[in-house]
Amino acid sequence: MEYICELCGRKIVRSRYLVRIASYAPYDGLEIGLLDLTRNFEKEIKNLLKKIQNKRGKKMEKDICVGFEFILCKKCRDNYIKNPLGKKRVKRGRKRISRKRNP
């Protein structure tokens, strides 16, 4: 089987790498406080149902979880793991603090 790097477009001769990315809304657990006990949940559920009534299933699904898979060559994979977010790196020098000597 022949593989092509999805980043650089070159034919992969030897090692190929599968990169998986998952983005999802995490569940932080359920904490019930005093204010929660006084809330009108029936009203909140009705409002939530009104909001999602017009949204399509795929759109709602993407709001919760979406995943991607890419096949990369070794060079592109090595570059990817060095900087997975593709952010420009900023060199930060150490600040020098000048201290006055007491005479």
N, C-alpha and C. Protein backbone atom coordinates (compact mmCIF):
# COMPACT_ATOMS: atom_id res chain seq x y z
N MET A 1 0.85 -1.18 0.00
CA MET A 1 0.00 0.00 0.00
C MET A 1 0.89 1.24 0.00
N GLU A 2 0.48 2.24 -0.75
CA GLU A 2 1.26 3.47 -0.86
C GLU A 2 0.63 4.55 0.01
N TYR A 3 1.49 5.27 0.74
CA TYR A 3 1.02 6.35 1.61
C TYR A 3 1.65 7.67 1.19
N ILE A 4 0.88 8.72 1.34
CA ILE A 4 1.33 10.07 1.04
C ILE A 4 1.20 10.90 2.32
N CYS A 5 2.24 11.66 2.64
CA CYS A 5 2.20 12.54 3.82
C CYS A 5 1.15 13.61 3.59
N GLU A 6 0.23 13.74 4.52
CA GLU A 6 -0.86 14.70 4.37
C GLU A 6 -0.42 16.13 4.65
N LEU A 7 0.82 16.31 5.09
CA LEU A 7 1.32 17.66 5.34
C LEU A 7 2.18 18.16 4.19
N CYS A 8 3.19 17.38 3.80
CA CYS A 8 4.09 17.84 2.74
C CYS A 8 3.74 17.26 1.37
N GLY A 9 2.92 16.21 1.32
CA GLY A 9 2.50 15.63 0.05
C GLY A 9 3.47 14.65 -0.56
N ARG A 10 4.57 14.36 0.13
CA ARG A 10 5.55 13.41 -0.41
C ARG A 10 5.12 11.97 -0.15
N LYS A 11 5.60 11.09 -1.03
CA LYS A 11 5.35 9.66 -0.87
C LYS A 11 6.15 9.18 0.34
N ILE A 12 5.51 8.37 1.18
CA ILE A 12 6.17 7.84 2.37
C ILE A 12 6.79 6.50 2.01
N VAL A 13 8.12 6.46 2.10
CA VAL A 13 8.85 5.26 1.70
C VAL A 13 9.01 4.30 2.88
N ARG A 14 9.42 4.82 4.02
CA ARG A 14 9.69 3.95 5.16
C ARG A 14 8.64 4.08 6.24
N SER A 15 8.95 4.91 7.21
CA SER A 15 8.09 5.02 8.39
C SER A 15 6.97 6.01 8.17
N ARG A 16 5.78 5.61 8.53
CA ARG A 16 4.65 6.54 8.51
C ARG A 16 4.13 6.68 9.94
N TYR A 17 3.51 7.81 10.21
CA TYR A 17 3.01 8.09 11.56
C TYR A 17 1.56 8.54 11.46
N LEU A 18 0.75 8.02 12.35
CA LEU A 18 -0.65 8.40 12.43
C LEU A 18 -0.79 9.39 13.59
N VAL A 19 -1.27 10.57 13.28
CA VAL A 19 -1.48 11.60 14.29
C VAL A 19 -2.99 11.74 14.48
N ARG A 20 -3.43 11.58 15.72
CA ARG A 20 -4.85 11.73 16.04
C ARG A 20 -5.03 12.96 16.92
N ILE A 21 -6.03 13.74 16.58
CA ILE A 21 -6.35 14.93 17.36
C ILE A 21 -7.81 14.83 17.77
N ALA A 22 -8.06 15.02 19.05
CA ALA A 22 -9.44 15.00 19.56
C ALA A 22 -9.69 16.28 20.32
N SER A 23 -10.80 16.92 20.02
CA SER A 23 -11.20 18.12 20.73
C SER A 23 -12.59 17.87 21.28
N TYR A 24 -12.72 18.00 22.60
CA TYR A 24 -14.02 17.72 23.20
C TYR A 24 -14.22 18.55 24.45
N ALA A 25 -15.47 18.73 24.78
CA ALA A 25 -15.84 19.46 25.99
C ALA A 25 -15.70 18.51 27.17
N PRO A 26 -14.80 18.80 28.10
CA PRO A 26 -14.60 17.87 29.22
C PRO A 26 -15.72 17.95 30.26
N TYR A 27 -15.91 16.86 30.94
CA TYR A 27 -16.88 16.81 32.02
C TYR A 27 -16.14 17.08 33.32
N ASP A 28 -16.52 18.13 34.01
CA ASP A 28 -15.82 18.53 35.22
C ASP A 28 -16.43 17.95 36.49
N GLY A 29 -17.39 17.12 36.34
CA GLY A 29 -18.01 16.53 37.52
C GLY A 29 -19.23 17.33 37.94
N LEU A 30 -19.93 16.79 38.86
CA LEU A 30 -21.15 17.41 39.33
C LEU A 30 -20.98 17.84 40.78
N GLU A 31 -21.05 19.13 40.98
CA GLU A 31 -20.99 19.66 42.34
C GLU A 31 -22.30 20.38 42.60
N ILE A 32 -22.98 20.00 43.64
CA ILE A 32 -24.26 20.60 43.97
C ILE A 32 -24.08 21.48 45.19
N GLY A 33 -24.41 22.75 45.01
CA GLY A 33 -24.31 23.70 46.11
C GLY A 33 -25.70 24.17 46.52
N LEU A 34 -25.73 25.05 47.50
CA LEU A 34 -26.99 25.58 48.02
C LEU A 34 -27.78 26.31 46.94
N LEU A 35 -27.09 27.07 46.08
CA LEU A 35 -27.77 27.80 45.01
C LEU A 35 -28.41 26.85 44.00
N ASP A 36 -27.76 25.71 43.77
CA ASP A 36 -28.32 24.73 42.83
C ASP A 36 -29.65 24.18 43.32
N LEU A 37 -29.81 24.06 44.60
CA LEU A 37 -31.04 23.51 45.15
C LEU A 37 -32.23 24.46 45.02
N THR A 38 -31.95 25.74 44.79
CA THR A 38 -33.03 26.72 44.68
C THR A 38 -33.33 27.09 43.22
N ARG A 39 -32.57 26.55 42.26
CA ARG A 39 -32.77 26.88 40.85
C ARG A 39 -34.01 26.19 40.30
N ASN A 40 -34.60 26.81 39.28
CA ASN A 40 -35.76 26.25 38.59
C ASN A 40 -35.27 25.43 37.40
N PHE A 41 -35.00 24.14 37.64
CA PHE A 41 -34.45 23.29 36.60
C PHE A 41 -35.43 23.05 35.46
N GLU A 42 -36.69 23.00 35.76
CA GLU A 42 -37.69 22.76 34.72
C GLU A 42 -37.64 23.88 33.69
N LYS A 43 -37.54 25.11 34.15
CA LYS A 43 -37.46 26.27 33.26
C LYS A 43 -36.15 26.23 32.46
N GLU A 44 -35.05 25.88 33.10
CA GLU A 44 -33.76 25.82 32.42
C GLU A 44 -33.74 24.74 31.34
N ILE A 45 -34.35 23.61 31.62
CA ILE A 45 -34.40 22.52 30.63
C ILE A 45 -35.26 22.93 29.44
N LYS A 46 -36.38 23.60 29.69
CA LYS A 46 -37.23 24.07 28.59
C LYS A 46 -36.47 25.06 27.72
N ASN A 47 -35.73 25.98 28.35
CA ASN A 47 -34.94 26.96 27.59
C ASN A 47 -33.85 26.27 26.77
N LEU A 48 -33.22 25.28 27.33
CA LEU A 48 -32.18 24.54 26.63
C LEU A 48 -32.76 23.78 25.43
N LEU A 49 -33.91 23.17 25.62
CA LEU A 49 -34.57 22.45 24.52
C LEU A 49 -34.95 23.40 23.40
N LYS A 50 -35.37 24.61 23.73
CA LYS A 50 -35.69 25.61 22.70
C LYS A 50 -34.44 25.98 21.90
N LYS A 51 -33.31 26.12 22.59
CA LYS A 51 -32.06 26.49 21.92
C LYS A 51 -31.60 25.41 20.95
N ILE A 52 -31.70 24.16 21.36
CA ILE A 52 -31.17 23.09 20.51
C ILE A 52 -32.18 22.56 19.49
N GLN A 53 -33.42 23.00 19.59
CA GLN A 53 -34.47 22.51 18.70
C GLN A 53 -34.13 22.77 17.24
N ASN A 54 -33.57 23.92 16.94
CA ASN A 54 -33.30 24.29 15.55
C ASN A 54 -31.91 23.86 15.06
N LYS A 55 -31.09 23.31 15.94
CA LYS A 55 -29.74 22.89 15.53
C LYS A 55 -29.81 21.47 14.98
N ARG A 56 -28.98 21.23 13.96
CA ARG A 56 -28.89 19.89 13.39
C ARG A 56 -27.98 19.03 14.25
N GLY A 57 -28.16 17.73 14.17
CA GLY A 57 -27.40 16.78 14.98
C GLY A 57 -25.90 16.87 14.79
N LYS A 58 -25.43 16.98 13.54
CA LYS A 58 -23.99 17.05 13.27
C LYS A 58 -23.38 18.31 13.85
N LYS A 59 -24.10 19.42 13.79
CA LYS A 59 -23.60 20.68 14.34
C LYS A 59 -23.45 20.56 15.85
N MET A 60 -24.44 19.99 16.51
CA MET A 60 -24.37 19.82 17.96
C MET A 60 -23.24 18.86 18.32
N GLU A 61 -23.08 17.82 17.52
CA GLU A 61 -22.03 16.85 17.78
C GLU A 61 -20.66 17.51 17.71
N LYS A 62 -20.46 18.37 16.69
CA LYS A 62 -19.18 19.07 16.55
C LYS A 62 -18.92 20.04 17.70
N ASP A 63 -19.97 20.58 18.28
CA ASP A 63 -19.80 21.47 19.43
C ASP A 63 -19.29 20.69 20.64
N ILE A 64 -19.58 19.40 20.68
CA ILE A 64 -19.19 18.59 21.83
C ILE A 64 -17.88 17.86 21.59
N CYS A 65 -17.74 17.20 20.43
CA CYS A 65 -16.55 16.40 20.17
C CYS A 65 -16.27 16.32 18.67
N VAL A 66 -15.00 16.50 18.33
CA VAL A 66 -14.59 16.35 16.93
C VAL A 66 -13.17 15.76 16.93
N GLY A 67 -12.89 14.90 15.96
CA GLY A 67 -11.58 14.28 15.89
C GLY A 67 -11.04 14.26 14.47
N PHE A 68 -9.72 14.19 14.37
CA PHE A 68 -9.05 14.15 13.08
C PHE A 68 -7.94 13.11 13.12
N GLU A 69 -7.61 12.56 11.97
CA GLU A 69 -6.48 11.64 11.84
C GLU A 69 -5.69 12.05 10.60
N PHE A 70 -4.36 12.06 10.75
CA PHE A 70 -3.49 12.42 9.64
C PHE A 70 -2.35 11.42 9.56
N ILE A 71 -1.94 11.09 8.35
CA ILE A 71 -0.76 10.26 8.14
C ILE A 71 0.37 11.20 7.75
N LEU A 72 1.48 11.12 8.50
CA LEU A 72 2.62 11.99 8.27
C LEU A 72 3.89 11.19 8.04
N CYS A 73 4.82 11.78 7.30
CA CYS A 73 6.14 11.19 7.16
C CYS A 73 6.93 11.51 8.43
N LYS A 74 8.09 10.90 8.59
CA LYS A 74 8.88 11.09 9.81
C LYS A 74 9.27 12.55 10.01
N LYS A 75 9.71 13.22 8.96
CA LYS A 75 10.15 14.61 9.07
C LYS A 75 9.01 15.52 9.54
N CYS A 76 7.85 15.38 8.91
CA CYS A 76 6.70 16.21 9.29
C CYS A 76 6.21 15.86 10.69
N ARG A 77 6.25 14.59 11.04
CA ARG A 77 5.84 14.17 12.39
C ARG A 77 6.78 14.75 13.44
N ASP A 78 8.10 14.71 13.17
CA ASP A 78 9.07 15.27 14.11
C ASP A 78 8.86 16.77 14.30
N ASN A 79 8.59 17.48 13.20
CA ASN A 79 8.31 18.92 13.29
C ASN A 79 7.00 19.18 14.04
N TYR A 80 6.03 18.32 13.81
CA TYR A 80 4.73 18.49 14.47
C TYR A 80 4.85 18.33 15.99
N ILE A 81 5.57 17.31 16.43
CA ILE A 81 5.64 17.09 17.88
C ILE A 81 6.50 18.14 18.58
N LYS A 82 7.35 18.85 17.85
CA LYS A 82 8.13 19.94 18.44
C LYS A 82 7.24 21.15 18.72
N ASN A 83 6.23 21.34 17.87
CA ASN A 83 5.38 22.52 18.00
C ASN A 83 3.97 22.18 17.50
N PRO A 84 3.21 21.38 18.26
CA PRO A 84 1.91 20.89 17.77
C PRO A 84 0.88 21.99 17.51
N LEU A 85 0.99 23.12 18.17
CA LEU A 85 0.01 24.18 17.94
C LEU A 85 0.45 25.15 16.83
N GLY A 86 1.65 24.96 16.32
CA GLY A 86 2.12 25.81 15.23
C GLY A 86 2.33 27.25 15.64
N LYS A 87 2.58 27.47 16.92
CA LYS A 87 2.76 28.84 17.40
C LYS A 87 4.17 29.32 17.10
N LYS A 88 4.28 30.59 16.80
CA LYS A 88 5.58 31.20 16.58
C LYS A 88 6.30 31.25 17.92
N ARG A 89 7.49 30.75 17.93
CA ARG A 89 8.24 30.72 19.18
C ARG A 89 8.93 32.06 19.41
N VAL A 90 8.84 32.53 20.63
CA VAL A 90 9.43 33.80 21.01
C VAL A 90 10.57 33.53 21.96
N LYS A 91 11.75 34.04 21.60
CA LYS A 91 12.88 33.89 22.51
C LYS A 91 12.76 34.92 23.61
N ARG A 92 12.85 34.45 24.81
CA ARG A 92 12.74 35.35 25.95
C ARG A 92 14.06 35.33 26.69
N GLY A 93 14.70 36.46 26.69
CA GLY A 93 15.97 36.57 27.40
C GLY A 93 15.73 36.82 28.87
N ARG A 94 16.74 36.57 29.63
CA ARG A 94 16.64 36.81 31.06
C ARG A 94 16.88 38.28 31.32
N LYS A 95 16.05 38.86 32.14
CA LYS A 95 16.21 40.27 32.49
C LYS A 95 17.39 40.41 33.44
N ARG A 96 18.17 41.40 33.16
CA ARG A 96 19.28 41.68 34.06
C ARG A 96 18.85 42.80 34.99
N ILE A 97 19.06 42.58 36.23
CA ILE A 97 18.70 43.58 37.23
C ILE A 97 19.99 44.20 37.72
N SER A 98 20.08 45.50 37.49
CA SER A 98 21.29 46.18 37.96
C SER A 98 21.08 46.58 39.41
N ARG A 99 22.05 46.29 40.18
CA ARG A 99 21.97 46.62 41.61
C ARG A 99 23.02 47.65 41.93
N LYS A 100 22.58 48.68 42.59
CA LYS A 100 23.52 49.72 42.99
C LYS A 100 24.26 49.27 44.24
N ARG A 101 25.53 49.54 44.23
CA ARG A 101 26.31 49.22 45.40
C ARG A 101 26.32 50.40 46.35
N ASN A 102 26.21 50.10 47.60
CA ASN A 102 26.28 51.18 48.59
C ASN A 102 27.73 51.62 48.74
N PRO A 103 27.96 52.95 48.71
CA PRO A 103 29.34 53.44 48.82
C PRO A 103 29.92 53.29 50.20
